[in-house]
Each structure stands twice: as C-alpha cells, then as structure tokens.
C-alpha cells in the first residue's frame, strides 16, 4: 500500500511537471475577432505575396496573400506576449518583432528566428467582394 501512494504521487508530479514545459504555445490571449477587408480598403493585399495591417485581434492583424488565398495572424508577438509587442511586416513574406528580433514566415506563421511559437492564426472567409477575418 505504501508503494501505491508513492507511485500515484510520482505519476501526478510527472504529469504536472511535464505540462509546464516550454513547448506550450497558446500564449496569446483569446479574443473575439470579426474584421473585414476588401480590395478597395486594402489594395496591397490583392497582389500575390501582398500583406497589410487590419484592425482586430489582441494587437491588430497581419493579413497575407499566399497567391492561393489569404491567411491572417495576430500582431501580438508570442515572444514575451505579456508585453504586447506588435510584430511588423519585414520584406514581402516575413514578419518580425522589432523588440526581440524574432521573425516568422507569413505563409504559415512558422518561426524563422529566435521565436519558438508560431504567430496566432485566424480564419479568412470570402463573402461576395468582402473578406472576413474571424476565429
């Protein structure tokens, strides 16, 4: 009986410590997102590899035209997210956090340098001539 209690305590601690690792990437707070854009409001987006800022999200949004459609990400940097640093466009297909120096690929939000976590993505849907970013 004594060993069962030790085993249960060991299993509990292993689970607890394993869940606190650095691989937890849900670091940007959840917020309701419902923002729209069109060719008239954001003409830069309608060229292949075009990108622009759109209102919404925690720190604003970056929308990127992959050539096959649009993807959208929160501008809140997942590097020290409590500081609410805004990522910025850096060239035609990269975003960067000017504070930490971290960089992400805009095609899918994956980290390129310094950052371990990807940018927080949102869905983009088309309704007539208007596109809507939502979660």
N, C-alpha and C. Protein backbone atom coordinates (compact mmCIF):
# COMPACT_ATOMS: atom_id res chain seq x y z
N UNK A 1 0.81 -1.20 0.00
CA UNK A 1 0.00 0.00 0.00
C UNK A 1 0.85 1.27 0.00
N UNK A 2 1.93 1.21 0.77
CA UNK A 2 2.83 2.36 0.86
C UNK A 2 3.39 2.71 -0.51
N UNK A 3 3.72 1.70 -1.33
CA UNK A 3 4.31 1.92 -2.64
C UNK A 3 3.28 2.46 -3.64
N UNK A 4 2.01 2.12 -3.45
CA UNK A 4 0.97 2.63 -4.34
C UNK A 4 0.85 4.14 -4.19
N UNK A 5 0.88 4.63 -2.97
CA UNK A 5 0.80 6.07 -2.73
C UNK A 5 1.99 6.81 -3.33
N UNK A 6 3.17 6.21 -3.20
CA UNK A 6 4.37 6.82 -3.78
C UNK A 6 4.26 6.83 -5.30
N UNK A 7 3.77 5.72 -5.88
CA UNK A 7 3.59 5.64 -7.34
C UNK A 7 2.61 6.70 -7.83
N UNK A 8 1.49 6.87 -7.13
CA UNK A 8 0.49 7.87 -7.52
C UNK A 8 1.08 9.28 -7.42
N UNK A 9 1.81 9.55 -6.35
CA UNK A 9 2.43 10.87 -6.19
C UNK A 9 3.45 11.12 -7.30
N UNK A 10 4.25 10.10 -7.64
CA UNK A 10 5.24 10.23 -8.70
C UNK A 10 4.55 10.49 -10.04
N UNK A 11 3.49 9.75 -10.35
CA UNK A 11 2.76 9.93 -11.61
C UNK A 11 2.16 11.33 -11.68
N UNK A 12 1.60 11.80 -10.58
CA UNK A 12 0.99 13.13 -10.55
C UNK A 12 2.05 14.22 -10.79
N UNK A 13 3.17 14.12 -10.10
CA UNK A 13 4.23 15.11 -10.28
C UNK A 13 4.82 15.08 -11.68
N UNK A 14 4.97 13.88 -12.25
CA UNK A 14 5.50 13.77 -13.61
C UNK A 14 4.57 14.44 -14.60
N UNK A 15 3.26 14.24 -14.43
CA UNK A 15 2.29 14.87 -15.32
C UNK A 15 2.29 16.38 -15.15
N UNK A 16 2.33 16.83 -13.92
CA UNK A 16 2.32 18.26 -13.64
C UNK A 16 3.57 18.94 -14.20
N UNK A 17 4.74 18.38 -13.95
CA UNK A 17 5.97 18.98 -14.45
C UNK A 17 6.09 18.89 -15.96
N UNK A 18 5.60 17.82 -16.55
CA UNK A 18 5.66 17.65 -17.99
C UNK A 18 4.78 18.64 -18.72
N UNK A 19 3.70 19.09 -18.09
CA UNK A 19 2.80 20.03 -18.75
C UNK A 19 3.29 21.47 -18.65
N UNK A 20 4.34 21.72 -17.88
CA UNK A 20 4.85 23.07 -17.70
C UNK A 20 6.07 23.36 -18.56
N UNK A 21 6.33 22.54 -19.54
CA UNK A 21 7.49 22.73 -20.39
C UNK A 21 7.38 23.96 -21.25
N UNK A 22 8.44 24.26 -21.98
CA UNK A 22 8.48 25.46 -22.80
C UNK A 22 7.74 25.26 -24.13
N UNK A 23 7.15 24.08 -24.35
CA UNK A 23 6.50 23.82 -25.63
C UNK A 23 5.07 24.32 -25.67
N UNK A 24 4.57 24.94 -24.61
CA UNK A 24 3.21 25.45 -24.60
C UNK A 24 3.11 26.73 -25.41
N UNK A 25 2.46 26.66 -26.57
CA UNK A 25 2.44 27.82 -27.45
C UNK A 25 1.11 28.55 -27.51
N UNK A 26 0.19 28.27 -26.62
CA UNK A 26 -1.05 29.04 -26.58
C UNK A 26 -0.84 30.23 -25.66
N UNK A 27 -0.03 31.17 -26.09
CA UNK A 27 0.39 32.27 -25.24
C UNK A 27 -0.34 33.59 -25.52
N UNK A 28 -0.98 33.73 -26.66
CA UNK A 28 -1.71 34.95 -27.00
C UNK A 28 -3.13 34.81 -26.47
N UNK A 29 -3.62 35.78 -25.72
CA UNK A 29 -4.98 35.68 -25.17
C UNK A 29 -6.03 35.52 -26.27
N UNK A 30 -7.09 34.79 -25.93
CA UNK A 30 -8.20 34.66 -26.86
C UNK A 30 -9.06 35.91 -26.82
N UNK A 31 -9.48 36.35 -27.97
CA UNK A 31 -10.37 37.49 -28.09
C UNK A 31 -11.25 37.26 -29.32
N UNK A 32 -12.44 37.81 -29.31
CA UNK A 32 -13.33 37.66 -30.45
C UNK A 32 -12.81 38.51 -31.60
N UNK A 33 -12.69 37.89 -32.76
CA UNK A 33 -12.19 38.59 -33.95
C UNK A 33 -13.24 38.51 -35.04
N UNK A 34 -13.62 39.64 -35.57
CA UNK A 34 -14.53 39.72 -36.71
C UNK A 34 -14.21 41.03 -37.45
N UNK A 35 -13.23 40.95 -38.34
CA UNK A 35 -12.77 42.12 -39.09
C UNK A 35 -12.92 41.87 -40.57
N UNK A 36 -13.12 42.92 -41.33
CA UNK A 36 -13.34 42.78 -42.77
C UNK A 36 -12.35 43.62 -43.56
N UNK A 37 -12.10 43.19 -44.80
CA UNK A 37 -11.30 43.97 -45.73
C UNK A 37 -11.76 43.67 -47.14
N UNK A 38 -11.46 44.58 -48.04
CA UNK A 38 -11.81 44.41 -49.45
C UNK A 38 -10.68 45.01 -50.29
N UNK A 39 -10.79 44.86 -51.59
CA UNK A 39 -9.77 45.41 -52.46
C UNK A 39 -9.74 46.93 -52.36
N UNK A 40 -10.89 47.54 -52.15
CA UNK A 40 -10.95 48.99 -52.01
C UNK A 40 -10.30 49.50 -50.73
N UNK A 41 -10.43 48.74 -49.64
CA UNK A 41 -9.87 49.20 -48.36
C UNK A 41 -8.41 48.81 -48.15
N UNK A 42 -7.97 47.72 -48.79
CA UNK A 42 -6.59 47.24 -48.62
C UNK A 42 -6.04 46.73 -49.95
N UNK A 43 -5.78 47.63 -50.91
CA UNK A 43 -5.35 47.19 -52.24
C UNK A 43 -4.03 46.41 -52.24
N UNK A 44 -3.14 46.64 -51.26
CA UNK A 44 -1.87 45.92 -51.21
C UNK A 44 -2.06 44.40 -51.09
N UNK A 45 -3.17 44.00 -50.48
CA UNK A 45 -3.42 42.57 -50.24
C UNK A 45 -3.73 41.79 -51.50
N UNK A 46 -4.11 42.45 -52.56
CA UNK A 46 -4.62 41.75 -53.73
C UNK A 46 -3.56 41.46 -54.78
N UNK A 47 -2.31 41.65 -54.44
CA UNK A 47 -1.19 41.20 -55.27
C UNK A 47 -0.63 39.95 -54.58
N UNK A 48 -0.14 38.99 -55.37
CA UNK A 48 0.46 37.80 -54.77
C UNK A 48 1.58 38.22 -53.82
N UNK A 49 1.63 37.64 -52.65
CA UNK A 49 2.58 37.95 -51.58
C UNK A 49 2.39 39.36 -51.04
N UNK A 50 1.20 39.92 -51.21
CA UNK A 50 0.89 41.21 -50.62
C UNK A 50 0.50 41.04 -49.16
N UNK A 51 0.80 42.02 -48.35
CA UNK A 51 0.47 41.96 -46.93
C UNK A 51 0.07 43.34 -46.46
N UNK A 52 -0.78 43.36 -45.43
CA UNK A 52 -1.20 44.65 -44.88
C UNK A 52 -1.71 44.42 -43.46
N UNK A 53 -1.83 45.52 -42.73
CA UNK A 53 -2.38 45.51 -41.38
C UNK A 53 -3.88 45.72 -41.45
N UNK A 54 -4.61 44.99 -40.60
CA UNK A 54 -6.06 45.12 -40.50
C UNK A 54 -6.39 45.21 -39.02
N UNK A 55 -7.39 46.00 -38.66
CA UNK A 55 -7.80 46.13 -37.26
C UNK A 55 -8.36 44.81 -36.74
N UNK A 56 -8.19 44.57 -35.43
CA UNK A 56 -8.75 43.39 -34.79
C UNK A 56 -7.69 42.64 -34.01
N UNK A 57 -8.10 41.55 -33.37
CA UNK A 57 -7.18 40.74 -32.61
C UNK A 57 -6.73 41.40 -31.32
N UNK A 58 -5.67 40.89 -30.73
CA UNK A 58 -5.13 41.44 -29.49
C UNK A 58 -4.32 42.69 -29.76
N UNK A 59 -3.45 42.64 -30.78
CA UNK A 59 -2.57 43.77 -31.12
C UNK A 59 -2.73 44.20 -32.57
N UNK A 60 -3.85 43.87 -33.18
CA UNK A 60 -4.04 44.13 -34.60
C UNK A 60 -3.79 42.84 -35.37
N UNK A 61 -4.00 42.88 -36.67
CA UNK A 61 -3.83 41.70 -37.52
C UNK A 61 -2.89 42.00 -38.67
N UNK A 62 -2.20 40.96 -39.13
CA UNK A 62 -1.49 40.99 -40.40
C UNK A 62 -2.19 40.00 -41.30
N UNK A 63 -2.60 40.47 -42.48
CA UNK A 63 -3.20 39.59 -43.48
C UNK A 63 -2.20 39.47 -44.62
N UNK A 64 -2.05 38.24 -45.12
CA UNK A 64 -1.06 37.95 -46.16
C UNK A 64 -1.72 37.18 -47.28
N UNK A 65 -1.41 37.55 -48.52
CA UNK A 65 -1.91 36.86 -49.71
C UNK A 65 -0.87 35.83 -50.13
N UNK A 66 -1.19 34.54 -49.98
CA UNK A 66 -0.24 33.48 -50.31
C UNK A 66 -0.16 33.23 -51.81
N UNK A 67 -1.04 33.83 -52.58
CA UNK A 67 -1.16 33.54 -54.01
C UNK A 67 -2.28 32.54 -54.26
N UNK A 68 -2.60 31.75 -53.23
CA UNK A 68 -3.70 30.79 -53.30
C UNK A 68 -4.85 31.19 -52.38
N UNK A 69 -4.71 32.28 -51.68
CA UNK A 69 -5.72 32.73 -50.72
C UNK A 69 -5.08 33.59 -49.66
N UNK A 70 -5.86 33.92 -48.65
CA UNK A 70 -5.39 34.80 -47.59
C UNK A 70 -5.21 34.03 -46.28
N UNK A 71 -4.21 34.44 -45.51
CA UNK A 71 -4.03 33.96 -44.14
C UNK A 71 -3.94 35.21 -43.26
N UNK A 72 -4.34 35.06 -42.00
CA UNK A 72 -4.31 36.19 -41.07
C UNK A 72 -3.71 35.75 -39.74
N UNK A 73 -2.95 36.64 -39.13
CA UNK A 73 -2.29 36.36 -37.86
C UNK A 73 -2.42 37.57 -36.94
N UNK A 74 -2.45 37.29 -35.63
CA UNK A 74 -2.44 38.36 -34.65
C UNK A 74 -1.06 39.01 -34.66
N UNK A 75 -1.02 40.32 -34.48
CA UNK A 75 0.26 41.03 -34.46
C UNK A 75 0.95 40.94 -33.10
N UNK A 76 0.30 40.36 -32.11
CA UNK A 76 0.91 40.22 -30.78
C UNK A 76 2.02 39.18 -30.86
N UNK A 77 3.22 39.58 -30.53
CA UNK A 77 4.37 38.68 -30.59
C UNK A 77 4.26 37.59 -29.54
N UNK A 78 4.43 36.31 -29.93
CA UNK A 78 4.44 35.24 -28.94
C UNK A 78 5.73 35.19 -28.12
N UNK A 79 6.68 36.08 -28.40
CA UNK A 79 7.87 36.22 -27.56
C UNK A 79 7.52 37.30 -26.54
N UNK A 80 7.44 36.95 -25.29
CA UNK A 80 7.02 37.86 -24.21
C UNK A 80 5.66 38.49 -24.52
N UNK A 81 4.61 37.67 -24.69
CA UNK A 81 3.30 38.20 -25.10
C UNK A 81 2.67 39.15 -24.09
N UNK A 82 3.09 39.05 -22.82
CA UNK A 82 2.54 39.94 -21.81
C UNK A 82 2.93 41.40 -22.07
N UNK A 83 3.97 41.63 -22.86
CA UNK A 83 4.41 42.99 -23.19
C UNK A 83 3.63 43.58 -24.36
N UNK A 84 2.87 42.74 -25.06
CA UNK A 84 2.03 43.17 -26.20
C UNK A 84 2.84 43.86 -27.30
N UNK A 85 4.05 43.35 -27.57
CA UNK A 85 4.84 43.88 -28.68
C UNK A 85 4.18 43.51 -29.99
N UNK A 86 4.09 44.46 -30.88
CA UNK A 86 3.47 44.23 -32.20
C UNK A 86 4.51 43.78 -33.21
N UNK A 87 4.19 42.67 -33.91
CA UNK A 87 5.06 42.27 -35.00
C UNK A 87 4.78 43.18 -36.19
N UNK A 88 5.78 43.37 -37.01
CA UNK A 88 5.68 44.26 -38.17
C UNK A 88 6.07 43.52 -39.43
N UNK A 89 5.61 44.03 -40.55
CA UNK A 89 5.99 43.46 -41.84
C UNK A 89 7.47 43.73 -42.06
N UNK A 90 8.15 42.71 -42.60
CA UNK A 90 9.59 42.78 -42.81
C UNK A 90 9.86 42.16 -44.17
N UNK A 91 9.91 42.96 -45.19
CA UNK A 91 10.03 42.41 -46.54
C UNK A 91 8.68 41.94 -47.03
N UNK A 92 8.68 41.11 -48.06
CA UNK A 92 7.41 40.73 -48.68
C UNK A 92 6.74 39.53 -48.03
N UNK A 93 7.46 38.69 -47.30
CA UNK A 93 6.81 37.49 -46.76
C UNK A 93 7.27 37.12 -45.35
N UNK A 94 7.78 38.10 -44.62
CA UNK A 94 8.27 37.86 -43.27
C UNK A 94 7.72 38.93 -42.33
N UNK A 95 7.40 38.50 -41.10
CA UNK A 95 7.04 39.43 -40.03
C UNK A 95 8.13 39.35 -38.98
N UNK A 96 8.37 40.47 -38.28
CA UNK A 96 9.38 40.44 -37.22
C UNK A 96 8.92 41.25 -36.03
N UNK A 97 9.46 40.88 -34.88
CA UNK A 97 9.24 41.60 -33.63
C UNK A 97 10.46 42.49 -33.46
N UNK A 98 10.31 43.81 -33.62
CA UNK A 98 11.48 44.69 -33.53
C UNK A 98 12.10 44.74 -32.14
N UNK A 99 11.37 44.32 -31.11
CA UNK A 99 11.91 44.34 -29.75
C UNK A 99 12.82 43.14 -29.51
N UNK A 100 12.33 41.93 -29.84
CA UNK A 100 13.11 40.72 -29.57
C UNK A 100 13.99 40.29 -30.74
N UNK A 101 13.66 40.76 -31.95
CA UNK A 101 14.38 40.33 -33.14
C UNK A 101 13.83 39.04 -33.75
N UNK A 102 12.77 38.48 -33.17
CA UNK A 102 12.18 37.24 -33.68
C UNK A 102 11.55 37.48 -35.05
N UNK A 103 11.53 36.43 -35.88
CA UNK A 103 10.96 36.52 -37.23
C UNK A 103 10.08 35.31 -37.50
N UNK A 104 9.04 35.52 -38.35
CA UNK A 104 8.11 34.47 -38.73
C UNK A 104 7.85 34.53 -40.22
N UNK A 105 7.59 33.37 -40.80
CA UNK A 105 7.21 33.25 -42.20
C UNK A 105 5.71 33.52 -42.30
N UNK A 106 5.32 34.46 -43.15
CA UNK A 106 3.90 34.83 -43.25
C UNK A 106 3.05 33.79 -43.98
N UNK A 107 3.64 32.93 -44.74
CA UNK A 107 2.85 31.92 -45.45
C UNK A 107 2.07 31.03 -44.47
N UNK A 108 2.69 30.69 -43.34
CA UNK A 108 2.02 29.83 -42.37
C UNK A 108 2.22 30.25 -40.91
N UNK A 109 2.92 31.35 -40.67
CA UNK A 109 3.14 31.85 -39.32
C UNK A 109 4.22 31.14 -38.55
N UNK A 110 4.99 30.25 -39.20
CA UNK A 110 6.01 29.48 -38.50
C UNK A 110 7.21 30.35 -38.14
N UNK A 111 7.84 30.05 -37.00
CA UNK A 111 9.00 30.85 -36.58
C UNK A 111 10.22 30.60 -37.45
N UNK A 112 10.96 31.68 -37.73
CA UNK A 112 12.20 31.60 -38.52
C UNK A 112 13.43 31.84 -37.65
N UNK A 113 13.33 32.77 -36.71
CA UNK A 113 14.48 33.12 -35.88
C UNK A 113 14.00 33.53 -34.49
N UNK A 114 14.70 33.07 -33.49
CA UNK A 114 14.52 33.38 -32.07
C UNK A 114 13.23 32.80 -31.49
N UNK A 115 12.09 33.05 -32.10
CA UNK A 115 10.81 32.58 -31.56
C UNK A 115 10.70 31.07 -31.60
N UNK A 116 10.02 30.50 -30.61
CA UNK A 116 9.73 29.07 -30.58
C UNK A 116 8.30 28.80 -31.01
N UNK A 117 7.42 29.77 -30.82
CA UNK A 117 6.00 29.60 -31.11
C UNK A 117 5.61 30.33 -32.39
N UNK A 118 4.64 29.78 -33.14
CA UNK A 118 4.17 30.46 -34.35
C UNK A 118 3.29 31.65 -34.00
N UNK A 119 3.01 32.48 -34.99
CA UNK A 119 2.04 33.56 -34.83
C UNK A 119 0.66 32.94 -34.66
N UNK A 120 -0.21 33.62 -33.93
CA UNK A 120 -1.57 33.11 -33.71
C UNK A 120 -2.40 33.33 -34.97
N UNK A 121 -2.93 32.23 -35.57
CA UNK A 121 -3.68 32.36 -36.82
C UNK A 121 -5.17 32.62 -36.59
N UNK A 122 -5.80 33.19 -37.60
CA UNK A 122 -7.26 33.36 -37.65
C UNK A 122 -7.74 32.90 -39.02
N UNK A 123 -9.02 32.60 -39.12
CA UNK A 123 -9.61 32.17 -40.40
C UNK A 123 -9.95 33.39 -41.25
N UNK A 124 -9.87 33.19 -42.57
CA UNK A 124 -10.27 34.23 -43.52
C UNK A 124 -11.31 33.61 -44.45
N UNK A 125 -12.48 34.23 -44.53
CA UNK A 125 -13.55 33.75 -45.42
C UNK A 125 -13.95 34.84 -46.39
N UNK A 126 -14.51 34.42 -47.54
CA UNK A 126 -14.93 35.39 -48.56
C UNK A 126 -16.44 35.43 -48.61
N UNK A 127 -16.99 36.64 -48.63
CA UNK A 127 -18.42 36.87 -48.74
C UNK A 127 -18.65 37.95 -49.78
N UNK A 128 -18.91 37.53 -51.02
CA UNK A 128 -19.03 38.47 -52.13
C UNK A 128 -17.67 39.06 -52.44
N UNK A 129 -17.56 40.38 -52.36
CA UNK A 129 -16.27 41.04 -52.62
C UNK A 129 -15.55 41.42 -51.33
N UNK A 130 -16.10 41.00 -50.20
CA UNK A 130 -15.52 41.31 -48.89
C UNK A 130 -14.96 40.05 -48.26
N UNK A 131 -13.82 40.19 -47.60
CA UNK A 131 -13.20 39.09 -46.86
C UNK A 131 -13.34 39.38 -45.38
N UNK A 132 -13.58 38.34 -44.59
CA UNK A 132 -13.76 38.49 -43.16
C UNK A 132 -12.75 37.64 -42.42
N UNK A 133 -12.08 38.23 -41.45
CA UNK A 133 -11.15 37.53 -40.58
C UNK A 133 -11.91 37.23 -39.28
N UNK A 134 -11.88 35.95 -38.86
CA UNK A 134 -12.61 35.58 -37.65
C UNK A 134 -11.92 34.41 -36.95
N UNK A 135 -12.42 34.11 -35.77
CA UNK A 135 -11.90 32.94 -35.05
C UNK A 135 -13.00 31.99 -34.69
